[in-house]
């Protein structure tokens, strides 16, 4: 399994997916264009691509759990 550096927290509210902070441009509370279909595929561990609307940064998501997007590339610094 990937490390903490490959996780990105998200919030799901009424079907919309929000990222607390963009890993690329650091914009806060970003509403993503992720569809229900994309979300369900990610939960089934089908690779999904997400383009951040704030800066067009691209995330390649390996899987989605209840708290995190698990990404192919490192999106956070380790502690």
N, C-alpha and C. Protein backbone atom coordinates (compact mmCIF):
# COMPACT_ATOMS: atom_id res chain seq x y z
N UNK A 1 0.84 -1.18 0.00
CA UNK A 1 0.00 0.00 0.00
C UNK A 1 0.88 1.24 0.00
N UNK A 2 0.40 2.28 -0.60
CA UNK A 2 1.12 3.54 -0.66
C UNK A 2 1.24 4.16 0.71
N UNK A 3 2.17 5.09 0.84
CA UNK A 3 2.39 5.77 2.11
C UNK A 3 1.48 6.98 2.24
N UNK A 4 1.57 7.64 3.40
CA UNK A 4 0.82 8.85 3.70
C UNK A 4 1.02 9.92 2.63
N UNK A 5 2.18 9.97 2.03
CA UNK A 5 2.48 10.96 1.00
C UNK A 5 1.60 10.81 -0.23
N UNK A 6 1.01 9.66 -0.39
CA UNK A 6 0.17 9.36 -1.56
C UNK A 6 -1.31 9.42 -1.23
N UNK A 7 -1.67 10.13 -0.15
CA UNK A 7 -3.08 10.27 0.22
C UNK A 7 -3.49 11.72 0.18
N UNK A 8 -4.74 11.94 -0.17
CA UNK A 8 -5.30 13.28 -0.20
C UNK A 8 -6.68 13.21 0.44
N UNK A 9 -6.89 13.92 1.56
CA UNK A 9 -8.21 13.89 2.20
C UNK A 9 -9.24 14.60 1.33
N UNK A 10 -10.48 14.18 1.50
CA UNK A 10 -11.58 14.81 0.77
C UNK A 10 -12.81 14.80 1.65
N UNK A 11 -13.77 15.63 1.30
CA UNK A 11 -15.07 15.66 1.97
C UNK A 11 -16.14 15.47 0.91
N UNK A 12 -17.16 14.70 1.27
CA UNK A 12 -18.28 14.48 0.35
C UNK A 12 -19.53 15.05 1.00
N UNK A 13 -20.13 16.03 0.34
CA UNK A 13 -21.33 16.68 0.86
C UNK A 13 -22.40 16.72 -0.23
N UNK A 14 -23.50 16.04 0.03
CA UNK A 14 -24.64 16.01 -0.89
C UNK A 14 -24.21 15.63 -2.31
N UNK A 15 -23.31 14.68 -2.42
CA UNK A 15 -22.87 14.18 -3.72
C UNK A 15 -21.71 14.94 -4.32
N UNK A 16 -21.37 16.11 -3.77
CA UNK A 16 -20.23 16.88 -4.27
C UNK A 16 -18.97 16.49 -3.50
N UNK A 17 -17.84 16.49 -4.20
CA UNK A 17 -16.56 16.14 -3.60
C UNK A 17 -15.71 17.40 -3.48
N UNK A 18 -15.26 17.68 -2.27
CA UNK A 18 -14.41 18.83 -1.99
C UNK A 18 -13.04 18.37 -1.51
N UNK A 19 -12.01 19.07 -1.95
CA UNK A 19 -10.65 18.85 -1.46
C UNK A 19 -10.33 20.03 -0.54
N UNK A 20 -9.92 19.78 0.71
CA UNK A 20 -9.63 20.90 1.62
C UNK A 20 -8.56 21.86 1.08
N UNK A 21 -7.55 21.31 0.41
CA UNK A 21 -6.51 22.16 -0.17
C UNK A 21 -5.92 21.46 -1.39
N UNK A 22 -5.85 22.19 -2.49
CA UNK A 22 -5.28 21.65 -3.73
C UNK A 22 -3.80 21.36 -3.51
N UNK A 23 -3.33 20.16 -3.88
CA UNK A 23 -1.91 19.83 -3.70
C UNK A 23 -0.99 20.57 -4.67
N UNK A 24 -1.56 21.22 -5.67
CA UNK A 24 -0.75 21.89 -6.68
C UNK A 24 -0.66 23.40 -6.43
N UNK A 25 -1.81 24.08 -6.36
CA UNK A 25 -1.79 25.55 -6.23
C UNK A 25 -2.17 26.01 -4.82
N UNK A 26 -2.55 25.08 -3.96
CA UNK A 26 -2.89 25.33 -2.56
C UNK A 26 -4.16 26.15 -2.36
N UNK A 27 -5.02 26.21 -3.37
CA UNK A 27 -6.34 26.81 -3.19
C UNK A 27 -7.09 26.00 -2.15
N UNK A 28 -7.95 26.67 -1.39
CA UNK A 28 -8.66 25.99 -0.31
C UNK A 28 -10.10 25.68 -0.68
N UNK A 29 -10.62 24.59 -0.10
CA UNK A 29 -12.00 24.16 -0.24
C UNK A 29 -12.41 24.10 -1.71
N UNK A 30 -11.73 23.27 -2.48
CA UNK A 30 -11.94 23.17 -3.92
C UNK A 30 -13.05 22.16 -4.24
N UNK A 31 -14.08 22.63 -4.93
CA UNK A 31 -15.13 21.74 -5.42
C UNK A 31 -14.61 21.06 -6.68
N UNK A 32 -14.53 19.74 -6.65
CA UNK A 32 -13.99 19.00 -7.79
C UNK A 32 -15.09 18.69 -8.80
N UNK A 33 -14.73 18.41 -10.04
CA UNK A 33 -15.71 18.01 -11.05
C UNK A 33 -15.97 16.50 -11.05
N UNK A 34 -15.60 15.80 -9.98
CA UNK A 34 -15.76 14.34 -9.93
C UNK A 34 -17.23 13.96 -9.97
N UNK A 35 -17.55 13.05 -10.87
CA UNK A 35 -18.93 12.57 -11.01
C UNK A 35 -19.17 11.39 -10.07
N UNK A 36 -20.44 11.03 -9.88
CA UNK A 36 -20.77 9.85 -9.07
C UNK A 36 -20.14 8.60 -9.67
N UNK A 37 -20.13 8.53 -10.99
CA UNK A 37 -19.53 7.37 -11.68
C UNK A 37 -18.03 7.27 -11.37
N UNK A 38 -17.33 8.41 -11.46
CA UNK A 38 -15.89 8.43 -11.14
C UNK A 38 -15.66 8.00 -9.69
N UNK A 39 -16.48 8.52 -8.79
CA UNK A 39 -16.34 8.20 -7.37
C UNK A 39 -16.54 6.70 -7.12
N UNK A 40 -17.58 6.14 -7.72
CA UNK A 40 -17.85 4.71 -7.54
C UNK A 40 -16.73 3.86 -8.12
N UNK A 41 -16.18 4.26 -9.26
CA UNK A 41 -15.06 3.52 -9.85
C UNK A 41 -13.85 3.57 -8.92
N UNK A 42 -13.57 4.73 -8.36
CA UNK A 42 -12.45 4.86 -7.43
C UNK A 42 -12.63 3.98 -6.20
N UNK A 43 -13.86 3.90 -5.71
CA UNK A 43 -14.14 3.04 -4.55
C UNK A 43 -13.95 1.56 -4.89
N UNK A 44 -14.09 1.22 -6.17
CA UNK A 44 -13.88 -0.15 -6.63
C UNK A 44 -12.43 -0.39 -7.06
N UNK A 45 -11.56 0.58 -6.74
CA UNK A 45 -10.13 0.52 -7.06
C UNK A 45 -9.86 0.51 -8.55
N UNK A 46 -10.72 1.17 -9.31
CA UNK A 46 -10.48 1.40 -10.74
C UNK A 46 -9.82 2.76 -10.85
N UNK A 47 -8.67 2.81 -11.49
CA UNK A 47 -7.93 4.07 -11.59
C UNK A 47 -8.78 5.16 -12.23
N UNK A 48 -8.72 6.34 -11.62
CA UNK A 48 -9.53 7.48 -12.03
C UNK A 48 -8.64 8.71 -12.12
N UNK A 49 -8.87 9.52 -13.13
CA UNK A 49 -8.10 10.76 -13.29
C UNK A 49 -8.98 11.92 -12.88
N UNK A 50 -8.41 12.83 -12.08
CA UNK A 50 -9.13 14.01 -11.63
C UNK A 50 -8.33 15.25 -11.99
N UNK A 51 -8.96 16.16 -12.72
CA UNK A 51 -8.32 17.43 -13.08
C UNK A 51 -8.87 18.49 -12.13
N UNK A 52 -7.98 19.12 -11.39
CA UNK A 52 -8.38 20.13 -10.43
C UNK A 52 -8.85 21.38 -11.17
N UNK A 53 -10.04 21.89 -10.86
CA UNK A 53 -10.58 23.04 -11.59
C UNK A 53 -9.85 24.36 -11.29
N UNK A 54 -9.15 24.42 -10.19
CA UNK A 54 -8.48 25.66 -9.78
C UNK A 54 -7.20 25.93 -10.58
N UNK A 55 -6.51 24.87 -11.01
CA UNK A 55 -5.21 25.08 -11.67
C UNK A 55 -4.92 24.07 -12.77
N UNK A 56 -5.86 23.17 -13.05
CA UNK A 56 -5.69 22.11 -14.05
C UNK A 56 -4.64 21.08 -13.69
N UNK A 57 -4.23 21.03 -12.41
CA UNK A 57 -3.34 19.96 -11.95
C UNK A 57 -4.06 18.63 -12.07
N UNK A 58 -3.33 17.58 -12.40
CA UNK A 58 -3.93 16.28 -12.63
C UNK A 58 -3.54 15.28 -11.57
N UNK A 59 -4.55 14.61 -11.00
CA UNK A 59 -4.33 13.55 -10.02
C UNK A 59 -4.71 12.22 -10.65
N UNK A 60 -3.89 11.22 -10.44
CA UNK A 60 -4.21 9.85 -10.85
C UNK A 60 -4.53 9.08 -9.58
N UNK A 61 -5.81 8.79 -9.39
CA UNK A 61 -6.29 8.16 -8.16
C UNK A 61 -6.34 6.65 -8.36
N UNK A 62 -5.68 5.93 -7.44
CA UNK A 62 -5.67 4.46 -7.49
C UNK A 62 -6.90 3.89 -6.82
N UNK A 63 -7.29 4.51 -5.70
CA UNK A 63 -8.46 4.02 -4.97
C UNK A 63 -8.99 5.13 -4.09
N UNK A 64 -10.24 4.97 -3.69
CA UNK A 64 -10.89 5.92 -2.80
C UNK A 64 -11.45 5.14 -1.61
N UNK A 65 -11.15 5.62 -0.40
CA UNK A 65 -11.78 5.03 0.77
C UNK A 65 -12.67 6.10 1.41
N UNK A 66 -13.12 5.88 2.62
CA UNK A 66 -14.05 6.82 3.27
C UNK A 66 -13.43 8.17 3.59
N UNK A 67 -12.10 8.26 3.64
CA UNK A 67 -11.43 9.48 4.06
C UNK A 67 -10.45 10.06 3.04
N UNK A 68 -9.88 9.21 2.20
CA UNK A 68 -8.77 9.65 1.35
C UNK A 68 -8.90 9.18 -0.10
N UNK A 69 -8.32 9.99 -0.98
CA UNK A 69 -7.96 9.54 -2.31
C UNK A 69 -6.55 8.99 -2.18
N UNK A 70 -6.30 7.79 -2.70
CA UNK A 70 -4.96 7.20 -2.72
C UNK A 70 -4.42 7.41 -4.14
N UNK A 71 -3.36 8.19 -4.25
CA UNK A 71 -2.86 8.60 -5.56
C UNK A 71 -1.58 7.87 -5.96
N UNK A 72 -1.32 7.87 -7.26
CA UNK A 72 -0.11 7.25 -7.78
C UNK A 72 1.10 8.09 -7.44
N UNK A 73 0.98 9.42 -7.58
CA UNK A 73 2.09 10.31 -7.29
C UNK A 73 1.98 10.86 -5.86
N UNK A 74 3.10 11.22 -5.28
CA UNK A 74 3.09 11.81 -3.94
C UNK A 74 2.46 13.20 -4.03
N UNK A 75 1.49 13.46 -3.15
CA UNK A 75 0.81 14.75 -3.14
C UNK A 75 0.97 15.51 -1.83
N UNK A 76 1.61 14.86 -0.84
CA UNK A 76 1.87 15.52 0.45
C UNK A 76 3.27 15.16 0.91
N UNK A 77 3.79 16.00 1.77
CA UNK A 77 5.10 15.74 2.36
C UNK A 77 4.94 14.86 3.58
N UNK A 78 5.86 13.90 3.75
CA UNK A 78 5.83 13.01 4.90
C UNK A 78 6.20 13.75 6.16
N UNK A 79 5.82 13.20 7.29
CA UNK A 79 6.12 13.83 8.58
C UNK A 79 7.31 13.18 9.22
